[in-house]
């Protein structure tokens, strides 16, 4: 067997910001992507696939920003087996201390014949040239055989050998359409190790999709057969039914270490926090019965189960909530609680002093405590999340809001906003208080190019005093943007979500304008 089996360390390659992000209902902003990347770095992932630089100016800037900031993980960019894609990766990533270029081409007959319309020899040559071109920028080159799960094993072996000879240091075997079963996919990996003569010169990676619900099982089967990198996403985000769930594969390897013998660099106590961040920013709720991070993952309803857990936690819990960063202790805080108490509680919840600005969090806490009377841990974490995601240098800021609604009156709203350094006040009516407020904001902004395509209301916390979180998806110039708002008042939360969108569209316009200017200068 190859030299790979000398190590039981499994690298975790996170593609939340690439495969996960491309399947979202709306684009993430540069700042949102950076925030997720920093959380992934703290989680301990080995490689962060930051995006697809050639796809858009916004994605190029996101990858570049992440490459500049991340220090403890390898930042990676995706490219097709095309020189222009690879050049875009190299340009975006060159600011990083360490980076990887990930290039791919399809290898299954159905893709080669129908999509690429090339011969197998031509595809092999394209792959070889792509890897060699990427090596001009970095020694860390990954090559993927798209749709490897449906590729004939003889051709797959030929492609893997050629890619490694060309200089690929990681070769990825994706089950792109989630078609294989664990025995079948594990057998593919086993065959590669038995038949490819130079396979010991590269790390074998796997990227499994969840179309049949087997992404995690297939990834585990591959690791047992010699793969030493797993590509995954937080909460299993990704195309169609999603990807291998990072938190699930990481906790399988940790919880069953005595049997399996594999280790990762994942700091499991960061899992819950990272999951919540990604869920909130991506506007993708986590189902309650989701393994590891679902709301019910550590809940016990059956009387027999409850009795067993009270007598011994391990009777029905194979891992502790604390092992994935869930703290069940809720401390009641009031407006009389001082800064020291808030700081102490955040640290107890697992946050470091560098994770938050105490004055900002405390200011929001006091306002919330005055409205609710009592503030709980889940409130405090929600406030922290929104203080962290607050947009800097906001072009649009809300300074005043009043909304009126009732059974016998026409809903109306008045908003006052800062647009740049100019304050504007407008009023409007609508079919409800939120609609009236949105109509007033449209008057302030001066155009109605932003179209709301989805509006969701969730409660953060418990009971009638829960905070209202509004998540919206809006379309602007052919692109979709997420917006989130949090307040005790639903109208205020909805208004904050729309203003969040407006600031992101303003930033997107600036990025596009900068890129157009660069193109004009380059053309002179």
Protein backbone atom coordinates (compact mmCIF):
# COMPACT_ATOMS: atom_id res chain seq x y z
CA UNK A 1 0.00 0.00 0.00
CA UNK A 2 1.06 3.59 -0.57
CA UNK A 3 2.78 5.99 1.75
CA UNK A 4 -0.52 7.70 2.49
CA UNK A 5 -1.40 4.91 4.90
CA UNK A 6 1.53 5.93 7.10
CA UNK A 7 -0.66 8.74 8.44
CA UNK A 8 -4.09 8.57 10.01
CA UNK A 9 -4.52 12.33 9.74
CA UNK A 10 -7.47 13.27 7.55
CA UNK A 11 -7.40 16.75 6.05
CA UNK A 12 -10.68 18.65 6.04
CA UNK A 13 -11.20 20.71 2.89
CA UNK A 14 -14.11 23.11 3.38
CA UNK A 15 -16.04 24.23 0.31
CA UNK A 16 -18.88 26.10 2.03
CA UNK A 17 -17.82 29.32 0.31
CA UNK A 18 -17.66 27.73 -3.14
CA UNK A 19 -19.92 24.69 -3.61
CA UNK A 20 -22.11 25.74 -0.70
CA UNK A 21 -22.39 29.41 -1.67
CA UNK A 22 -23.22 28.75 -5.33
CA UNK A 23 -26.38 26.87 -4.26
CA UNK A 24 -27.73 29.59 -1.97
CA UNK A 25 -30.88 31.60 -2.74
CA UNK A 26 -28.74 34.77 -2.80
CA UNK A 27 -25.09 35.84 -3.03
CA UNK A 28 -23.01 36.54 0.05
CA UNK A 29 -21.19 39.85 0.33
CA UNK A 30 -17.41 40.08 0.54
CA UNK A 31 -17.64 40.84 4.26
CA UNK A 32 -19.99 37.92 4.92
CA UNK A 33 -17.69 35.51 3.11
CA UNK A 34 -14.70 36.78 5.05
CA UNK A 35 -16.57 36.34 8.33
CA UNK A 36 -17.35 32.72 7.43
CA UNK A 37 -13.74 32.13 6.36
CA UNK A 38 -12.43 33.41 9.69
CA UNK A 39 -14.88 31.13 11.51
CA UNK A 40 -13.68 28.18 9.42
CA UNK A 41 -10.08 29.04 10.28
CA UNK A 42 -10.96 29.03 13.97
CA UNK A 43 -12.80 25.73 13.49
CA UNK A 44 -9.52 24.22 12.33
CA UNK A 45 -10.20 23.30 8.71
CA UNK A 46 -7.04 22.62 6.73
CA UNK A 47 -8.08 24.09 3.37
CA UNK A 48 -10.69 26.77 2.67
CA UNK A 49 -12.01 26.81 -0.89
CA UNK A 50 -12.84 30.51 -1.00
CA UNK A 51 -14.56 30.67 -4.39
CA UNK A 52 -14.34 30.67 -8.17
CA UNK A 53 -12.34 33.85 -8.97
CA UNK A 54 -13.01 33.98 -12.70
CA UNK A 55 -16.79 33.82 -12.25
CA UNK A 56 -17.37 37.46 -11.23
CA UNK A 57 -15.60 40.58 -9.93
CA UNK A 58 -17.30 40.05 -6.56
CA UNK A 59 -16.04 36.48 -6.24
CA UNK A 60 -12.54 37.54 -7.29
CA UNK A 61 -12.49 40.21 -4.57
CA UNK A 62 -13.89 37.79 -1.98
CA UNK A 63 -11.19 35.21 -2.71
CA UNK A 64 -8.51 37.91 -2.63
CA UNK A 65 -9.78 39.33 0.69
CA UNK A 66 -9.89 35.88 2.29
CA UNK A 67 -6.43 35.02 0.94
CA UNK A 68 -5.08 38.21 2.51
CA UNK A 69 -6.62 37.59 5.97
CA UNK A 70 -6.35 33.84 6.55
CA UNK A 71 -3.09 32.75 8.16
CA UNK A 72 -3.69 29.29 9.68
CA UNK A 73 -5.32 27.49 6.77
CA UNK A 74 -4.54 27.07 3.09
CA UNK A 75 -6.77 29.24 0.89
CA UNK A 76 -7.89 27.66 -2.36
CA UNK A 77 -9.52 28.89 -5.55
CA UNK A 78 -11.41 26.80 -8.10
CA UNK A 79 -10.78 26.85 -11.84
CA UNK A 80 -11.86 24.93 -14.88
CA UNK A 81 -9.07 23.37 -16.92
CA UNK A 82 -8.64 26.67 -18.73
CA UNK A 83 -5.66 29.04 -18.63
CA UNK A 84 -7.83 32.14 -18.00
CA UNK A 85 -9.47 30.48 -14.97
CA UNK A 86 -6.13 29.40 -13.55
CA UNK A 87 -4.65 32.87 -14.11
CA UNK A 88 -7.58 34.43 -12.22
CA UNK A 89 -6.90 32.06 -9.30
CA UNK A 90 -3.21 32.88 -9.29
CA UNK A 91 -3.88 36.62 -9.35
CA UNK A 92 -6.49 36.50 -6.57
CA UNK A 93 -4.49 34.17 -4.33
CA UNK A 94 -0.98 35.60 -4.67
CA UNK A 95 -1.53 37.81 -1.58
CA UNK A 96 -1.80 34.68 0.62
CA UNK A 97 0.97 33.21 2.75
CA UNK A 98 0.05 29.79 1.35
CA UNK A 99 -2.50 28.88 -1.30
CA UNK A 100 -3.79 26.12 -3.54
CA UNK A 101 -5.18 26.14 -7.07
CA UNK A 102 -7.93 23.56 -7.64
CA UNK A 103 -8.55 22.76 -11.30
CA UNK A 104 -11.01 20.23 -12.70
CA UNK A 105 -12.43 18.60 -15.81
CA UNK A 106 -15.16 15.99 -16.34
CA UNK A 107 -14.12 12.38 -16.91
CA UNK A 108 -17.31 10.27 -17.17
CA UNK A 109 -18.47 9.20 -20.64
CA UNK A 110 -21.73 11.09 -20.29
CA UNK A 111 -19.87 14.34 -19.50
CA UNK A 112 -17.00 13.84 -21.97
CA UNK A 113 -19.31 12.98 -24.87
CA UNK A 114 -22.31 15.20 -24.12
CA UNK A 115 -20.86 18.25 -22.37
CA UNK A 116 -17.24 18.50 -23.49
CA UNK A 117 -17.69 16.76 -26.86
CA UNK A 118 -14.06 15.74 -26.92
CA UNK A 119 -12.13 12.49 -27.08
CA UNK A 120 -10.72 10.91 -23.92
CA UNK A 121 -7.19 11.66 -25.17
CA UNK A 122 -8.07 15.34 -25.60
CA UNK A 123 -9.51 15.53 -22.08
CA UNK A 124 -6.40 13.94 -20.58
CA UNK A 125 -4.23 16.45 -22.43
CA UNK A 126 -6.39 19.36 -21.18
CA UNK A 127 -6.03 18.08 -17.61
CA UNK A 128 -2.26 17.73 -17.91
CA UNK A 129 -1.84 21.21 -19.37
CA UNK A 130 -4.09 22.71 -16.68
CA UNK A 131 -2.07 21.14 -13.87
CA UNK A 132 1.22 22.27 -15.45
CA UNK A 133 -0.15 25.80 -15.87
CA UNK A 134 -1.27 25.92 -12.24
CA UNK A 135 2.19 24.78 -11.13
CA UNK A 136 3.57 28.06 -12.48
CA UNK A 137 1.80 29.77 -9.58
CA UNK A 138 2.16 27.24 -6.75
CA UNK A 139 3.44 23.77 -5.88
CA UNK A 140 0.09 23.07 -4.16
CA UNK A 141 -2.17 22.01 -7.03
CA UNK A 142 -5.32 19.92 -6.72
CA UNK A 143 -6.92 18.21 -9.69
CA UNK A 144 -10.50 16.88 -9.74
CA UNK A 145 -12.02 14.23 -12.02
CA UNK A 146 -15.57 15.58 -12.21
CA UNK A 147 -18.21 12.81 -12.06
CA UNK A 148 -15.58 10.25 -11.08
CA UNK A 149 -18.31 8.12 -9.52
CA UNK A 150 -19.65 7.33 -13.00
CA UNK A 151 -16.28 7.18 -14.78
CA UNK A 152 -15.00 3.84 -16.07
CA UNK A 153 -12.28 2.70 -13.70
CA UNK A 154 -9.71 2.15 -16.49
CA UNK A 155 -10.04 5.75 -17.69
CA UNK A 156 -10.15 7.08 -14.13
CA UNK A 157 -6.87 5.33 -13.33
CA UNK A 158 -5.31 6.76 -16.49
CA UNK A 159 -6.47 10.30 -15.62
CA UNK A 160 -5.27 10.14 -12.01
CA UNK A 161 -1.84 8.86 -13.07
CA UNK A 162 -1.50 11.58 -15.73
CA UNK A 163 -2.53 14.36 -13.31
CA UNK A 164 0.00 13.23 -10.71
CA UNK A 165 2.76 12.99 -13.33
CA UNK A 166 1.89 16.55 -14.42
CA UNK A 167 2.42 17.83 -10.87
CA UNK A 168 -0.88 17.51 -8.98
CA UNK A 169 -0.17 17.04 -5.28
CA UNK A 170 -3.81 16.30 -4.43
CA UNK A 171 -6.20 14.36 -6.66
CA UNK A 172 -9.89 14.61 -5.89
CA UNK A 173 -12.37 11.84 -6.69
CA UNK A 174 -15.85 13.40 -6.65
CA UNK A 175 -19.17 11.59 -6.57
CA UNK A 176 -20.54 14.67 -8.31
CA UNK A 177 -24.14 13.50 -8.65
CA UNK A 178 -24.34 11.47 -5.43
CA UNK A 179 -24.92 8.25 -7.35
CA UNK A 180 -22.69 5.67 -5.71
CA UNK A 181 -23.18 3.55 -2.60
CA UNK A 182 -20.54 3.29 0.16
CA UNK A 183 -19.30 -0.16 -0.90
CA UNK A 184 -19.13 0.96 -4.52
CA UNK A 185 -17.39 4.27 -3.82
CA UNK A 186 -14.96 2.71 -1.34
CA UNK A 187 -14.19 0.13 -4.03
CA UNK A 188 -13.28 2.88 -6.50
CA UNK A 189 -10.75 4.32 -4.05
CA UNK A 190 -9.36 0.85 -3.32
CA UNK A 191 -8.94 0.17 -7.05
CA UNK A 192 -7.09 3.45 -7.53
CA UNK A 193 -4.60 2.58 -4.80
CA UNK A 194 -4.08 -0.89 -6.27
CA UNK A 195 -3.77 0.17 -9.91
CA UNK A 196 -2.23 3.67 -10.14
CA UNK A 197 1.57 3.26 -9.88
CA UNK A 198 2.37 6.83 -8.73
CA UNK A 199 -0.54 7.26 -6.34
CA UNK A 200 1.83 7.56 -3.38
CA UNK A 201 2.95 10.94 -4.81
CA UNK A 202 -0.39 12.65 -4.07
CA UNK A 203 -3.06 12.91 -1.42
CA UNK A 204 -6.31 11.32 -2.53
CA UNK A 205 -9.35 13.45 -1.75
CA UNK A 206 -13.09 12.82 -2.02
CA UNK A 207 -16.01 15.18 -2.67
CA UNK A 208 -19.37 13.49 -2.22
CA UNK A 209 -22.83 14.85 -2.91
CA UNK A 210 -25.91 13.87 -0.96
CA UNK A 211 -28.50 13.15 -3.67
CA UNK A 212 -29.21 9.71 -2.17
CA UNK A 213 -28.35 10.75 1.39
CA UNK A 214 -25.02 8.91 1.27
CA UNK A 215 -22.45 11.73 1.10
CA UNK A 216 -21.10 11.22 4.62
CA UNK A 217 -21.21 7.41 4.37
CA UNK A 218 -19.41 7.47 1.02
CA UNK A 219 -16.75 9.85 2.37
CA UNK A 220 -16.16 7.59 5.37
CA UNK A 221 -15.88 4.52 3.14
CA UNK A 222 -13.28 6.36 1.04
CA UNK A 223 -11.23 7.30 4.11
CA UNK A 224 -11.24 3.67 5.22
CA UNK A 225 -9.81 2.74 1.80
CA UNK A 226 -6.99 5.31 1.89
CA UNK A 227 -8.38 8.76 1.07
CA UNK A 228 -6.80 11.33 3.37
CA UNK A 229 -8.76 14.46 2.46
CA UNK A 230 -12.52 14.94 2.73
CA UNK A 231 -14.24 17.87 1.02
CA UNK A 232 -17.27 19.02 2.98
CA UNK A 233 -19.47 21.98 3.87
CA UNK A 234 -20.94 23.39 7.06
CA UNK A 235 -24.50 22.09 7.56
CA UNK A 236 -24.08 20.05 4.37
CA UNK A 237 -24.78 23.04 2.11
CA UNK A 238 -24.29 22.61 -1.61
CA UNK A 239 -25.76 21.88 -5.01
CA UNK A 240 -29.12 20.08 -5.07
CA UNK A 241 -29.28 17.93 -1.89
CA UNK A 242 -25.95 19.27 -0.67
CA UNK A 243 -22.51 17.94 0.18
CA UNK A 244 -20.89 15.83 2.83
CA UNK A 245 -21.65 17.56 6.12
CA UNK A 246 -18.41 18.74 7.74
CA UNK A 247 -19.73 18.51 11.29
CA UNK A 248 -20.96 14.95 10.74
CA UNK A 249 -17.79 13.50 9.22
CA UNK A 250 -15.64 15.30 11.80
CA UNK A 251 -17.67 14.01 14.76
CA UNK A 252 -17.79 10.48 13.33
CA UNK A 253 -14.00 10.42 13.16
CA UNK A 254 -13.75 11.89 16.67
CA UNK A 255 -16.49 9.89 18.39
CA UNK A 256 -15.47 6.57 16.80
CA UNK A 257 -11.72 7.18 16.98
CA UNK A 258 -11.12 4.01 19.01
CA UNK A 259 -12.55 1.90 16.18
CA UNK A 260 -11.54 3.92 13.13
CA UNK A 261 -8.23 5.39 14.29
CA UNK A 262 -8.40 8.61 12.27
CA UNK A 263 -7.84 12.18 13.47
CA UNK A 264 -8.54 15.69 12.12
CA UNK A 265 -7.53 19.20 13.13
CA UNK A 266 -11.15 20.20 13.73
CA UNK A 267 -11.79 21.94 17.05
CA UNK A 268 -15.16 20.36 17.69
CA UNK A 269 -16.21 22.88 20.34
CA UNK A 270 -16.42 25.47 17.52
CA UNK A 271 -18.91 23.43 15.48
CA UNK A 272 -22.19 24.77 16.89
CA UNK A 273 -21.12 28.41 16.63
CA UNK A 274 -19.87 27.99 13.06
CA UNK A 275 -23.07 26.20 12.09
CA UNK A 276 -25.23 29.05 13.45
CA UNK A 277 -23.11 31.69 11.70
CA UNK A 278 -23.37 29.95 8.33
CA UNK A 279 -27.08 29.28 8.77
CA UNK A 280 -27.80 32.93 9.59
CA UNK A 281 -25.61 34.52 6.93
CA UNK A 282 -26.70 32.10 4.22
CA UNK A 283 -30.40 32.31 5.13
CA UNK A 284 -30.50 28.49 5.26
CA UNK A 285 -32.19 27.19 8.45
CA UNK A 286 -30.92 23.94 9.95
CA UNK A 287 -33.59 21.27 10.33
CA UNK A 288 -34.38 20.45 13.95
CA UNK A 289 -33.43 16.77 13.65
CA UNK A 290 -30.14 17.44 11.81
CA UNK A 291 -27.31 15.36 13.26
CA UNK A 292 -24.82 17.21 15.50
CA UNK A 293 -26.17 20.77 15.07
CA UNK A 294 -29.97 20.43 14.90
CA UNK A 295 -32.07 21.94 17.69
CA UNK A 296 -33.16 18.44 18.76
CA UNK A 297 -29.75 16.78 18.42
CA UNK A 298 -29.34 16.65 22.22
CA UNK A 299 -33.03 16.76 23.24
CA UNK A 300 -34.80 13.86 24.87
CA UNK A 301 -38.59 13.59 24.78
CA UNK A 302 -39.25 10.00 25.78
CA UNK A 303 -39.70 9.50 29.51
CA UNK A 304 -37.48 6.43 29.40
CA UNK A 305 -34.74 8.42 27.61
CA UNK A 306 -35.04 11.34 30.03
CA UNK A 307 -34.77 9.02 33.01
CA UNK A 308 -31.75 7.32 31.52
CA UNK A 309 -29.92 10.60 30.80
CA UNK A 310 -30.59 11.84 34.33
CA UNK A 311 -29.04 8.64 35.71
CA UNK A 312 -26.15 8.65 33.25
CA UNK A 313 -25.59 11.03 30.35
CA UNK A 314 -24.00 8.38 28.14
CA UNK A 315 -27.09 6.15 28.29
CA UNK A 316 -28.57 8.01 25.32
CA UNK A 317 -25.87 10.55 24.37
CA UNK A 318 -22.83 9.23 22.49
CA UNK A 319 -21.22 12.68 22.68
CA UNK A 320 -21.81 15.64 24.95
CA UNK A 321 -23.42 18.91 23.85
CA UNK A 322 -20.33 20.68 25.17
CA UNK A 323 -18.10 18.70 22.79
CA UNK A 324 -19.65 20.57 19.83
CA UNK A 325 -19.89 23.91 21.64
CA UNK A 326 -23.48 23.77 22.91
CA UNK A 327 -23.85 25.23 26.39
CA UNK A 328 -27.20 24.32 27.95
CA UNK A 329 -26.81 26.68 30.87
CA UNK A 330 -29.02 29.78 30.46
CA UNK A 331 -28.28 32.74 32.76
CA UNK A 332 -30.97 35.38 33.25
CA UNK A 333 -29.59 38.91 32.71
CA UNK A 334 -31.32 42.25 33.26
CA UNK A 335 -30.67 45.91 32.46
CA UNK A 336 -28.91 46.13 35.84
CA UNK A 337 -26.27 43.64 34.73
CA UNK A 338 -23.01 45.49 34.13
CA UNK A 339 -20.38 45.20 31.43
CA UNK A 340 -18.31 42.84 33.56
CA UNK A 341 -21.21 40.37 33.81
CA UNK A 342 -21.82 40.48 30.06
CA UNK A 343 -18.13 39.95 29.32
CA UNK A 344 -17.95 37.09 31.84
CA UNK A 345 -21.02 35.40 30.35
CA UNK A 346 -19.74 35.64 26.77
CA UNK A 347 -16.43 34.10 27.83
CA UNK A 348 -18.32 31.32 29.63
CA UNK A 349 -20.23 30.69 26.41
CA UNK A 350 -16.89 30.07 24.68
CA UNK A 351 -16.18 33.44 23.05
CA UNK A 352 -12.79 35.11 23.34
CA UNK A 353 -12.37 38.78 24.20
CA UNK A 354 -11.09 39.34 20.67
CA UNK A 355 -14.37 37.97 19.26
CA UNK A 356 -16.46 40.96 20.29
CA UNK A 357 -16.48 44.66 21.00
CA UNK A 358 -17.84 44.86 24.55
CA UNK A 359 -19.17 48.41 24.23
CA UNK A 360 -21.13 47.59 21.07
CA UNK A 361 -22.61 44.41 22.53
CA UNK A 362 -23.38 46.09 25.86
CA UNK A 363 -25.14 49.02 24.17
CA UNK A 364 -27.40 46.60 22.28
CA UNK A 365 -27.90 44.50 25.42
CA UNK A 366 -29.13 47.45 27.51
CA UNK A 367 -31.62 48.47 24.81
CA UNK A 368 -32.91 44.91 24.59
CA UNK A 369 -33.05 44.47 28.37
CA UNK A 370 -35.11 47.66 28.71
CA UNK A 371 -37.63 46.24 26.24
CA UNK A 372 -37.70 42.60 27.39
CA UNK A 373 -36.84 42.91 31.07
CA UNK A 374 -34.90 39.63 31.02
CA UNK A 375 -32.20 38.64 28.56
CA UNK A 376 -31.03 35.04 28.18
CA UNK A 377 -27.97 33.40 26.69
CA UNK A 378 -29.62 32.86 23.31
CA UNK A 379 -30.49 36.60 23.22
CA UNK A 380 -26.91 37.51 24.04
CA UNK A 381 -25.52 35.27 21.30
CA UNK A 382 -27.99 36.75 18.79
CA UNK A 383 -26.89 40.27 19.74
CA UNK A 384 -23.25 39.24 19.37
CA UNK A 385 -23.91 37.78 15.93
CA UNK A 386 -25.60 40.94 14.70
CA UNK A 387 -22.95 43.20 16.19
CA UNK A 388 -20.32 41.17 14.33
CA UNK A 389 -22.18 41.32 11.03
CA UNK A 390 -23.01 45.02 11.26
CA UNK A 391 -21.81 46.62 8.07
CA UNK A 392 -18.99 49.12 8.32
CA UNK A 393 -19.16 52.40 6.42
CA UNK A 394 -22.88 51.90 5.77
CA UNK A 395 -24.21 54.00 2.91
CA UNK A 396 -27.74 53.60 4.26
CA UNK A 397 -28.55 53.94 7.98
CA UNK A 398 -31.91 53.96 9.76
CA UNK A 399 -32.28 56.81 12.27
CA UNK A 400 -36.06 56.83 12.87
CA UNK A 401 -39.00 54.50 12.29
CA UNK A 402 -42.68 54.78 13.09
CA UNK A 403 -45.33 52.39 11.79
CA UNK A 404 -49.11 52.39 12.30
CA UNK A 405 -51.49 49.53 11.66
CA UNK A 406 -54.88 48.33 12.83
CA UNK A 407 -58.14 46.79 11.82
CA UNK A 408 -59.85 49.98 10.71
CA UNK A 409 -56.90 52.08 9.51
CA UNK A 410 -54.69 52.11 6.43
CA UNK A 411 -51.19 50.89 7.40
CA UNK A 412 -48.61 53.65 7.17
CA UNK A 413 -44.97 54.21 8.08
CA UNK A 414 -42.44 57.00 8.35
CA UNK A 415 -38.71 56.38 8.05
CA UNK A 416 -35.76 58.67 8.42
CA UNK A 417 -32.47 57.49 6.95
CA UNK A 418 -28.95 58.66 6.37
CA UNK A 419 -28.00 58.22 2.72
CA UNK A 420 -24.29 58.93 2.72
CA UNK A 421 -24.14 62.12 4.78
CA UNK A 422 -27.64 63.32 3.82
CA UNK A 423 -30.66 62.66 6.09
CA UNK A 424 -33.97 61.99 4.30
CA UNK A 425 -37.45 61.43 5.76
CA UNK A 426 -40.31 59.83 3.83
CA UNK A 427 -43.75 58.39 4.61
CA UNK A 428 -45.88 55.85 2.74
CA UNK A 429 -48.84 53.49 3.04
CA UNK A 430 -49.01 49.81 2.22
CA UNK A 431 -50.96 46.60 2.65
CA UNK A 432 -49.34 46.18 6.07
CA UNK A 433 -46.85 48.00 8.30
CA UNK A 434 -43.81 46.24 6.81
CA UNK A 435 -44.97 46.93 3.26
CA UNK A 436 -45.63 50.58 4.18
CA UNK A 437 -42.12 50.89 5.66
CA UNK A 438 -40.60 49.29 2.56
CA UNK A 439 -42.50 51.72 0.33
CA UNK A 440 -41.17 54.62 2.40
CA UNK A 441 -37.61 53.30 2.08
CA UNK A 442 -38.07 53.05 -1.69
CA UNK A 443 -38.93 56.78 -1.70
CA UNK A 444 -35.80 57.54 0.33
CA UNK A 445 -33.54 55.50 -1.94
CA UNK A 446 -35.10 57.03 -5.04
CA UNK A 447 -35.56 53.83 -7.07
CA UNK A 448 -37.37 50.51 -6.85
CA UNK A 449 -34.80 48.28 -8.53
CA UNK A 450 -34.63 46.00 -5.48
CA UNK A 451 -37.36 43.35 -5.63
CA UNK A 452 -38.15 41.24 -2.56
CA UNK A 453 -38.49 37.61 -3.65
CA UNK A 454 -38.56 35.96 -0.21
CA UNK A 455 -39.41 37.14 3.30
CA UNK A 456 -39.03 34.88 6.35
CA UNK A 457 -39.77 35.59 9.99
CA UNK A 458 -38.15 33.51 12.73
CA UNK A 459 -38.05 33.80 16.49
CA UNK A 460 -34.71 33.85 18.28
CA UNK A 461 -35.35 32.60 21.76
CA UNK A 462 -38.42 31.27 23.51
CA UNK A 463 -41.93 32.44 24.26
CA UNK A 464 -43.66 35.76 23.60
CA UNK A 465 -40.51 37.75 24.41
CA UNK A 466 -38.41 36.12 21.70
CA UNK A 467 -36.47 38.37 19.33
CA UNK A 468 -37.81 38.62 15.79
CA UNK A 469 -35.34 37.80 13.03
CA UNK A 470 -36.35 38.68 9.49
CA UNK A 471 -34.46 37.18 6.56
CA UNK A 472 -35.13 38.48 3.08
CA UNK A 473 -33.88 37.56 -0.37
CA UNK A 474 -33.93 40.43 -2.84
CA UNK A 475 -33.13 40.63 -6.55
CA UNK A 476 -31.07 43.51 -7.93
CA UNK A 477 -29.56 43.81 -11.40
CA UNK A 478 -29.94 40.09 -12.05
CA UNK A 479 -28.30 39.03 -8.78
CA UNK A 480 -29.81 37.95 -5.48
CA UNK A 481 -28.80 39.28 -2.07
CA UNK A 482 -29.55 38.14 1.48
CA UNK A 483 -30.64 40.56 4.18
CA UNK A 484 -31.07 39.91 7.90
CA UNK A 485 -32.50 42.01 10.70
CA UNK A 486 -33.03 41.46 14.43
CA UNK A 487 -35.28 43.40 16.81
CA UNK A 488 -38.06 42.90 19.34
CA UNK A 489 -40.38 44.56 16.80
CA UNK A 490 -41.17 42.72 13.56
CA UNK A 491 -41.42 45.91 11.48
CA UNK A 492 -38.07 47.18 12.73
CA UNK A 493 -36.49 43.81 12.06
CA UNK A 494 -37.89 43.79 8.52
CA UNK A 495 -36.64 47.32 7.86
CA UNK A 496 -33.15 46.42 9.11
CA UNK A 497 -33.12 43.40 6.78
CA UNK A 498 -33.96 45.56 3.74
CA UNK A 499 -31.34 48.16 4.66
CA UNK A 500 -28.82 45.32 5.01
CA UNK A 501 -29.65 44.35 1.40
CA UNK A 502 -29.38 47.94 0.18
CA UNK A 503 -25.90 48.30 1.68
CA UNK A 504 -24.81 45.05 0.03
CA UNK A 505 -26.14 46.17 -3.36
CA UNK A 506 -24.30 49.47 -2.93
CA UNK A 507 -21.04 47.59 -2.22
CA UNK A 508 -21.65 45.30 -5.21
CA UNK A 509 -22.08 48.34 -7.45
CA UNK A 510 -18.80 49.78 -6.16
CA UNK A 511 -16.94 46.51 -6.87
CA UNK A 512 -18.38 46.32 -10.40
CA UNK A 513 -17.44 49.96 -11.05
CA UNK A 514 -13.88 49.37 -9.82
CA UNK A 515 -13.55 46.34 -12.11
CA UNK A 516 -14.89 48.28 -15.10
CA UNK A 517 -12.40 51.07 -14.39
CA UNK A 518 -9.54 48.55 -14.20
CA UNK A 519 -10.61 47.06 -17.54
CA UNK A 520 -10.70 50.53 -19.14
CA UNK A 521 -7.25 51.37 -17.77
CA UNK A 522 -5.87 48.02 -18.96
CA UNK A 523 -7.31 48.69 -22.42
CA UNK A 524 -5.67 52.10 -22.76
